[in-house]
Amino acid sequence: MGGTLMEETISRMAGSGQGSYKTISDIRALVEPTGRPVRQRTTLYGTVPEERRRVAEASDGVAASILRPQLPMA
């Protein structure tokens, strides 16, 4: 799961109705049974500041772009 993106938006930003999305809970459910720790990292694999981690956990990682309805393709 190393380097897993929670939200792949490039395809959807280009107009596709496809793309993948995993919440923090989804990722945790996949990883915890392996006995490995779940850790949020920066793009350089550094430790994420506590405030940023708390905000992400509070929303379960759900971004506003996921909540907005997608416009139909013409």
PDB file of N, CA and C in Angstrom:
ATOM      1  N   MET A   1       0.824  -1.190   0.000  1.00  0.00           N
ATOM      2  CA  MET A   1       0.000   0.000   0.000  1.00  0.00           C
ATOM      3  C   MET A   1       0.866   1.252   0.000  1.00  0.00           C
ATOM      4  N   GLY A   2       2.160   1.111   0.074  1.00  0.00           N
ATOM      5  CA  GLY A   2       3.038   2.276   0.099  1.00  0.00           C
ATOM      6  C   GLY A   2       2.814   3.143  -1.124  1.00  0.00           C
ATOM      7  N   GLY A   3       2.667   4.431  -0.916  1.00  0.00           N
ATOM      8  CA  GLY A   3       2.485   5.358  -2.019  1.00  0.00           C
ATOM      9  C   GLY A   3       1.077   5.371  -2.577  1.00  0.00           C
ATOM     10  N   THR A   4       0.121   4.805  -1.860  1.00  0.00           N
ATOM     11  CA  THR A   4      -1.260   4.765  -2.336  1.00  0.00           C
ATOM     12  C   THR A   4      -1.893   6.138  -2.235  1.00  0.00           C
ATOM     13  N   LEU A   5      -2.511   6.562  -3.316  1.00  0.00           N
ATOM     14  CA  LEU A   5      -3.240   7.826  -3.315  1.00  0.00           C
ATOM     15  C   LEU A   5      -4.664   7.556  -2.871  1.00  0.00           C
ATOM     16  N   MET A   6      -5.176   8.428  -2.039  1.00  0.00           N
ATOM     17  CA  MET A   6      -6.561   8.275  -1.605  1.00  0.00           C
ATOM     18  C   MET A   6      -7.520   8.670  -2.717  1.00  0.00           C
ATOM     19  N   GLU A   7      -7.123   9.632  -3.521  1.00  0.00           N
ATOM     20  CA  GLU A   7      -8.019  10.155  -4.544  1.00  0.00           C
ATOM     21  C   GLU A   7      -7.264  10.355  -5.840  1.00  0.00           C
ATOM     22  N   GLU A   8      -7.695   9.680  -6.862  1.00  0.00           N
ATOM     23  CA  GLU A   8      -7.109   9.844  -8.188  1.00  0.00           C
ATOM     24  C   GLU A   8      -8.056  10.739  -8.959  1.00  0.00           C
ATOM     25  N   THR A   9      -7.676  11.989  -9.151  1.00  0.00           N
ATOM     26  CA  THR A   9      -8.587  12.950  -9.782  1.00  0.00           C
ATOM     27  C   THR A   9      -8.207  13.340 -11.192  1.00  0.00           C
ATOM     28  N   ILE A  10      -7.048  12.960 -11.656  1.00  0.00           N
ATOM     29  CA  ILE A  10      -6.608  13.395 -12.980  1.00  0.00           C
ATOM     30  C   ILE A  10      -7.602  12.954 -14.047  1.00  0.00           C
ATOM     31  N   SER A  11      -8.016  11.692 -14.012  1.00  0.00           N
ATOM     32  CA  SER A  11      -8.982  11.202 -15.004  1.00  0.00           C
ATOM     33  C   SER A  11     -10.304  11.950 -14.897  1.00  0.00           C
ATOM     34  N   ARG A  12     -10.791  12.140 -13.694  1.00  0.00           N
ATOM     35  CA  ARG A  12     -12.076  12.813 -13.523  1.00  0.00           C
ATOM     36  C   ARG A  12     -11.989  14.282 -13.903  1.00  0.00           C
ATOM     37  N   MET A  13     -10.854  14.926 -13.619  1.00  0.00           N
ATOM     38  CA  MET A  13     -10.700  16.325 -14.003  1.00  0.00           C
ATOM     39  C   MET A  13     -10.690  16.464 -15.524  1.00  0.00           C
ATOM     40  N   ALA A  14     -10.305  15.411 -16.218  1.00  0.00           N
ATOM     41  CA  ALA A  14     -10.286  15.433 -17.673  1.00  0.00           C
ATOM     42  C   ALA A  14     -11.652  15.080 -18.259  1.00  0.00           C
ATOM     43  N   GLY A  15     -12.639  14.840 -17.383  1.00  0.00           N
ATOM     44  CA  GLY A  15     -13.995  14.590 -17.856  1.00  0.00           C
ATOM     45  C   GLY A  15     -14.463  13.158 -17.739  1.00  0.00           C
ATOM     46  N   SER A  16     -13.618  12.253 -17.305  1.00  0.00           N
ATOM     47  CA  SER A  16     -14.008  10.857 -17.165  1.00  0.00           C
ATOM     48  C   SER A  16     -14.931  10.681 -15.964  1.00  0.00           C
ATOM     49  N   GLY A  17     -15.839   9.759 -16.076  1.00  0.00           N
ATOM     50  CA  GLY A  17     -16.700   9.420 -14.942  1.00  0.00           C
ATOM     51  C   GLY A  17     -16.039   8.412 -14.036  1.00  0.00           C
ATOM     52  N   GLN A  18     -14.863   7.969 -14.408  1.00  0.00           N
ATOM     53  CA  GLN A  18     -14.147   6.947 -13.643  1.00  0.00           C
ATOM     54  C   GLN A  18     -13.064   7.583 -12.787  1.00  0.00           C
ATOM     55  N   GLY A  19     -12.407   6.787 -12.031  1.00  0.00           N
ATOM     56  CA  GLY A  19     -11.379   7.220 -11.098  1.00  0.00           C
ATOM     57  C   GLY A  19     -11.567   6.410  -9.836  1.00  0.00           C
ATOM     58  N   SER A  20     -10.637   6.466  -8.934  1.00  0.00           N
ATOM     59  CA  SER A  20     -10.789   5.689  -7.708  1.00  0.00           C
ATOM     60  C   SER A  20     -10.702   6.605  -6.507  1.00  0.00           C
ATOM     61  N   TYR A  21     -11.306   6.160  -5.423  1.00  0.00           N
ATOM     62  CA  TYR A  21     -11.288   6.935  -4.200  1.00  0.00           C
ATOM     63  C   TYR A  21     -11.345   5.978  -3.027  1.00  0.00           C
ATOM     64  N   LYS A  22     -10.490   6.187  -2.062  1.00  0.00           N
ATOM     65  CA  LYS A  22     -10.492   5.408  -0.831  1.00  0.00           C
ATOM     66  C   LYS A  22     -10.476   6.375   0.341  1.00  0.00           C
ATOM     67  N   THR A  23     -11.355   6.153   1.299  1.00  0.00           N
ATOM     68  CA  THR A  23     -11.332   6.960   2.516  1.00  0.00           C
ATOM     69  C   THR A  23     -10.233   6.418   3.429  1.00  0.00           C
ATOM     70  N   ILE A  24      -9.945   7.165   4.484  1.00  0.00           N
ATOM     71  CA  ILE A  24      -8.986   6.693   5.470  1.00  0.00           C
ATOM     72  C   ILE A  24      -9.475   5.379   6.063  1.00  0.00           C
ATOM     73  N   SER A  25     -10.769   5.283   6.330  1.00  0.00           N
ATOM     74  CA  SER A  25     -11.342   4.045   6.870  1.00  0.00           C
ATOM     75  C   SER A  25     -11.164   2.877   5.908  1.00  0.00           C
ATOM     76  N   ASP A  26     -11.355   3.123   4.604  1.00  0.00           N
ATOM     77  CA  ASP A  26     -11.166   2.070   3.595  1.00  0.00           C
ATOM     78  C   ASP A  26      -9.728   1.555   3.618  1.00  0.00           C
ATOM     79  N   ILE A  27      -8.781   2.488   3.635  1.00  0.00           N
ATOM     80  CA  ILE A  27      -7.367   2.101   3.626  1.00  0.00           C
ATOM     81  C   ILE A  27      -7.009   1.369   4.911  1.00  0.00           C
ATOM     82  N   ARG A  28      -7.499   1.881   6.036  1.00  0.00           N
ATOM     83  CA  ARG A  28      -7.230   1.228   7.316  1.00  0.00           C
ATOM     84  C   ARG A  28      -7.772  -0.210   7.315  1.00  0.00           C
ATOM     85  N   ALA A  29      -8.974  -0.413   6.778  1.00  0.00           N
ATOM     86  CA  ALA A  29      -9.569  -1.754   6.734  1.00  0.00           C
ATOM     87  C   ALA A  29      -8.743  -2.714   5.871  1.00  0.00           C
ATOM     88  N   LEU A  30      -8.084  -2.193   4.844  1.00  0.00           N
ATOM     89  CA  LEU A  30      -7.229  -3.030   4.000  1.00  0.00           C
ATOM     90  C   LEU A  30      -5.895  -3.360   4.658  1.00  0.00           C
ATOM     91  N   VAL A  31      -5.348  -2.402   5.414  1.00  0.00           N
ATOM     92  CA  VAL A  31      -4.000  -2.543   5.958  1.00  0.00           C
ATOM     93  C   VAL A  31      -3.965  -3.217   7.325  1.00  0.00           C
ATOM     94  N   GLU A  32      -4.869  -2.857   8.230  1.00  0.00           N
ATOM     95  CA  GLU A  32      -4.785  -3.356   9.600  1.00  0.00           C
ATOM     96  C   GLU A  32      -4.727  -4.885   9.714  1.00  0.00           C
ATOM     97  N   PRO A  33      -5.476  -5.642   8.910  1.00  0.00           N
ATOM     98  CA  PRO A  33      -5.371  -7.104   9.039  1.00  0.00           C
ATOM     99  C   PRO A  33      -3.965  -7.654   8.756  1.00  0.00           C
ATOM    100  N   THR A  34      -3.129  -6.877   8.085  1.00  0.00           N
ATOM    101  CA  THR A  34      -1.767  -7.338   7.795  1.00  0.00           C
ATOM    102  C   THR A  34      -0.831  -7.137   8.985  1.00  0.00           C
ATOM    103  N   GLY A  35      -1.294  -6.378   9.986  1.00  0.00           N
ATOM    104  CA  GLY A  35      -0.461  -6.095  11.141  1.00  0.00           C
ATOM    105  C   GLY A  35       0.512  -4.943  10.923  1.00  0.00           C
ATOM    106  N   ARG A  36       0.428  -4.302   9.780  1.00  0.00           N
ATOM    107  CA  ARG A  36       1.313  -3.170   9.470  1.00  0.00           C
ATOM    108  C   ARG A  36       0.641  -1.867   9.921  1.00  0.00           C
ATOM    109  N   PRO A  37       1.427  -0.858  10.280  1.00  0.00           N
ATOM    110  CA  PRO A  37       0.839   0.416  10.708  1.00  0.00           C
ATOM    111  C   PRO A  37       0.300   1.211   9.523  1.00  0.00           C
ATOM    112  N   VAL A  38      -0.726   1.998   9.787  1.00  0.00           N
ATOM    113  CA  VAL A  38      -1.266   2.923   8.794  1.00  0.00           C
ATOM    114  C   VAL A  38      -0.699   4.291   9.141  1.00  0.00           C
ATOM    115  N   ARG A  39      -0.022   4.907   8.181  1.00  0.00           N
ATOM    116  CA  ARG A  39       0.591   6.207   8.422  1.00  0.00           C
ATOM    117  C   ARG A  39       0.359   7.136   7.239  1.00  0.00           C
ATOM    118  N   GLN A  40      -0.059   8.341   7.548  1.00  0.00           N
ATOM    119  CA  GLN A  40      -0.162   9.367   6.510  1.00  0.00           C
ATOM    120  C   GLN A  40       1.223   9.978   6.359  1.00  0.00           C
ATOM    121  N   ARG A  41       1.671  10.130   5.128  1.00  0.00           N
ATOM    122  CA  ARG A  41       2.989  10.705   4.863  1.00  0.00           C
ATOM    123  C   ARG A  41       2.874  11.856   3.880  1.00  0.00           C
ATOM    124  N   THR A  42       3.892  12.696   3.865  1.00  0.00           N
ATOM    125  CA  THR A  42       3.968  13.767   2.873  1.00  0.00           C
ATOM    126  C   THR A  42       4.445  13.158   1.556  1.00  0.00           C
ATOM    127  N   THR A  43       4.486  13.957   0.507  1.00  0.00           N
ATOM    128  CA  THR A  43       4.953  13.454  -0.785  1.00  0.00           C
ATOM    129  C   THR A  43       6.416  13.034  -0.748  1.00  0.00           C
ATOM    130  N   LEU A  44       7.158  13.507   0.248  1.00  0.00           N
ATOM    131  CA  LEU A  44       8.557  13.101   0.405  1.00  0.00           C
ATOM    132  C   LEU A  44       8.717  12.063   1.516  1.00  0.00           C
ATOM    133  N   TYR A  45       7.599  11.422   1.903  1.00  0.00           N
ATOM    134  CA  TYR A  45       7.558  10.382   2.937  1.00  0.00           C
ATOM    135  C   TYR A  45       7.925  10.892   4.327  1.00  0.00           C
ATOM    136  N   GLY A  46       7.763  12.199   4.540  1.00  0.00           N
ATOM    137  CA  GLY A  46       7.989  12.763   5.863  1.00  0.00           C
ATOM    138  C   GLY A  46       6.764  12.588   6.737  1.00  0.00           C
ATOM    139  N   THR A  47       6.904  12.915   7.995  1.00  0.00           N
ATOM    140  CA  THR A  47       5.799  12.842   8.938  1.00  0.00           C
ATOM    141  C   THR A  47       4.878  14.044   8.736  1.00  0.00           C
ATOM    142  N   VAL A  48       3.582  13.780   8.689  1.00  0.00           N
ATOM    143  CA  VAL A  48       2.581  14.829   8.491  1.00  0.00           C
ATOM    144  C   VAL A  48       2.364  15.554   9.818  1.00  0.00           C
ATOM    145  N   PRO A  49       2.283  16.886   9.801  1.00  0.00           N
ATOM    146  CA  PRO A  49       2.011  17.621  11.047  1.00  0.00           C
ATOM    147  C   PRO A  49       0.713  17.129  11.708  1.00  0.00           C
ATOM    148  N   GLU A  50       0.716  17.107  13.024  1.00  0.00           N
ATOM    149  CA  GLU A  50      -0.429  16.593  13.792  1.00  0.00           C
ATOM    150  C   GLU A  50      -1.744  17.270  13.413  1.00  0.00           C
ATOM    151  N   GLU A  51      -1.742  18.582  13.242  1.00  0.00           N
ATOM    152  CA  GLU A  51      -2.974  19.300  12.884  1.00  0.00           C
ATOM    153  C   GLU A  51      -3.517  18.812  11.539  1.00  0.00           C
ATOM    154  N   ARG A  52      -2.664  18.621  10.570  1.00  0.00           N
ATOM    155  CA  ARG A  52      -3.087  18.132   9.247  1.00  0.00           C
ATOM    156  C   ARG A  52      -3.660  16.715   9.348  1.00  0.00           C
ATOM    157  N   ARG A  53      -3.026  15.877  10.177  1.00  0.00           N
ATOM    158  CA  ARG A  53      -3.510  14.507  10.364  1.00  0.00           C
ATOM    159  C   ARG A  53      -4.886  14.513  11.026  1.00  0.00           C
ATOM    160  N   ARG A  54      -5.063  15.379  12.047  1.00  0.00           N
ATOM    161  CA  ARG A  54      -6.357  15.457  12.736  1.00  0.00           C
ATOM    162  C   ARG A  54      -7.469  15.915  11.803  1.00  0.00           C
ATOM    163  N   VAL A  55      -7.189  16.886  10.947  1.00  0.00           N
ATOM    164  CA  VAL A  55      -8.193  17.371   9.990  1.00  0.00           C
ATOM    165  C   VAL A  55      -8.575  16.258   9.019  1.00  0.00           C
ATOM    166  N   ALA A  56      -7.580  15.546   8.528  1.00  0.00           N
ATOM    167  CA  ALA A  56      -7.854  14.437   7.604  1.00  0.00           C
ATOM    168  C   ALA A  56      -8.689  13.354   8.279  1.00  0.00           C
ATOM    169  N   GLU A  57      -8.332  12.987   9.501  1.00  0.00           N
ATOM    170  CA  GLU A  57      -9.073  11.957  10.243  1.00  0.00           C
ATOM    171  C   GLU A  57     -10.510  12.402  10.510  1.00  0.00           C
ATOM    172  N   ALA A  58     -10.710  13.682  10.833  1.00  0.00           N
ATOM    173  CA  ALA A  58     -12.045  14.193  11.148  1.00  0.00           C
ATOM    174  C   ALA A  58     -12.993  14.078   9.955  1.00  0.00           C
ATOM    175  N   SER A  59     -12.457  14.212   8.741  1.00  0.00           N
ATOM    176  CA  SER A  59     -13.301  14.120   7.543  1.00  0.00           C
ATOM    177  C   SER A  59     -13.240  12.737   6.904  1.00  0.00           C
ATOM    178  N   ASP A  60     -12.478  11.821   7.519  1.00  0.00           N
ATOM    179  CA  ASP A  60     -12.210  10.491   6.962  1.00  0.00           C
ATOM    180  C   ASP A  60     -11.555  10.607   5.592  1.00  0.00           C
ATOM    181  N   GLY A  61     -10.923  11.762   5.351  1.00  0.00           N
ATOM    182  CA  GLY A  61     -10.226  11.973   4.093  1.00  0.00           C
ATOM    183  C   GLY A  61     -11.140  12.290   2.932  1.00  0.00           C
ATOM    184  N   VAL A  62     -12.408  12.571   3.206  1.00  0.00           N
ATOM    185  CA  VAL A  62     -13.357  12.850   2.128  1.00  0.00           C
ATOM    186  C   VAL A  62     -13.174  14.291   1.661  1.00  0.00           C
ATOM    187  N   ALA A  63     -12.759  14.438   0.415  1.00  0.00           N
ATOM    188  CA  ALA A  63     -12.518  15.756  -0.173  1.00  0.00           C
ATOM    189  C   ALA A  63     -13.816  16.333  -0.727  1.00  0.00           C
ATOM    190  N   ALA A  64     -13.914  17.643  -0.726  1.00  0.00           N
ATOM    191  CA  ALA A  64     -15.103  18.321  -1.244  1.00  0.00           C
ATOM    192  C   ALA A  64     -15.378  17.934  -2.694  1.00  0.00           C
ATOM    193  N   SER A  65     -14.325  17.674  -3.476  1.00  0.00           N
ATOM    194  CA  SER A  65     -14.515  17.320  -4.887  1.00  0.00           C
ATOM    195  C   SER A  65     -15.246  15.987  -5.046  1.00  0.00           C
ATOM    196  N   ILE A  66     -15.147  15.119  -4.066  1.00  0.00           N
ATOM    197  CA  ILE A  66     -15.846  13.830  -4.112  1.00  0.00           C
ATOM    198  C   ILE A  66     -17.322  14.044  -3.804  1.00  0.00           C
ATOM    199  N   LEU A  67     -17.625  14.988  -2.934  1.00  0.00           N
ATOM    200  CA  LEU A  67     -18.996  15.222  -2.520  1.00  0.00           C
ATOM    201  C   LEU A  67     -19.813  15.970  -3.563  1.00  0.00           C
ATOM    202  N   ARG A  68     -19.144  16.748  -4.421  1.00  0.00           N
ATOM    203  CA  ARG A  68     -19.862  17.490  -5.457  1.00  0.00           C
ATOM    204  C   ARG A  68     -20.365  16.534  -6.528  1.00  0.00           C
ATOM    205  N   PRO A  69     -21.598  16.717  -6.973  1.00  0.00           N
ATOM    206  CA  PRO A  69     -22.083  15.875  -8.069  1.00  0.00           C
ATOM    207  C   PRO A  69     -21.300  16.144  -9.345  1.00  0.00           C
ATOM    208  N   GLN A  70     -21.021  15.111 -10.091  1.00  0.00           N
ATOM    209  CA  GLN A  70     -20.286  15.239 -11.354  1.00  0.00           C
ATOM    210  C   GLN A  70     -21.265  15.668 -12.452  1.00  0.00           C
ATOM    211  N   LEU A  71     -20.827  16.561 -13.316  1.00  0.00           N
ATOM    212  CA  LEU A  71     -21.646  16.992 -14.442  1.00  0.00           C
ATOM    213  C   LEU A  71     -21.696  15.885 -15.483  1.00  0.00           C
ATOM    214  N   PRO A  72     -22.858  15.676 -16.109  1.00  0.00           N
ATOM    215  CA  PRO A  72     -22.955  14.646 -17.147  1.00  0.00           C
ATOM    216  C   PRO A  72     -22.111  15.032 -18.365  1.00  0.00           C
ATOM    217  N   MET A  73     -21.585  14.024 -19.029  1.00  0.00           N
ATOM    218  CA  MET A  73     -20.815  14.256 -20.264  1.00  0.00           C
ATOM    219  C   MET A  73     -21.788  14.643 -21.368  1.00  0.00           C
ATOM    220  N   ALA A  74     -21.377  15.556 -22.232  1.00  0.00           N
ATOM    221  CA  ALA A  74     -22.224  16.008 -23.339  1.00  0.00           C
ATOM    222  C   ALA A  74     -22.237  14.985 -24.457  1.00  0.00           C
TER     223      ALA A  74
END
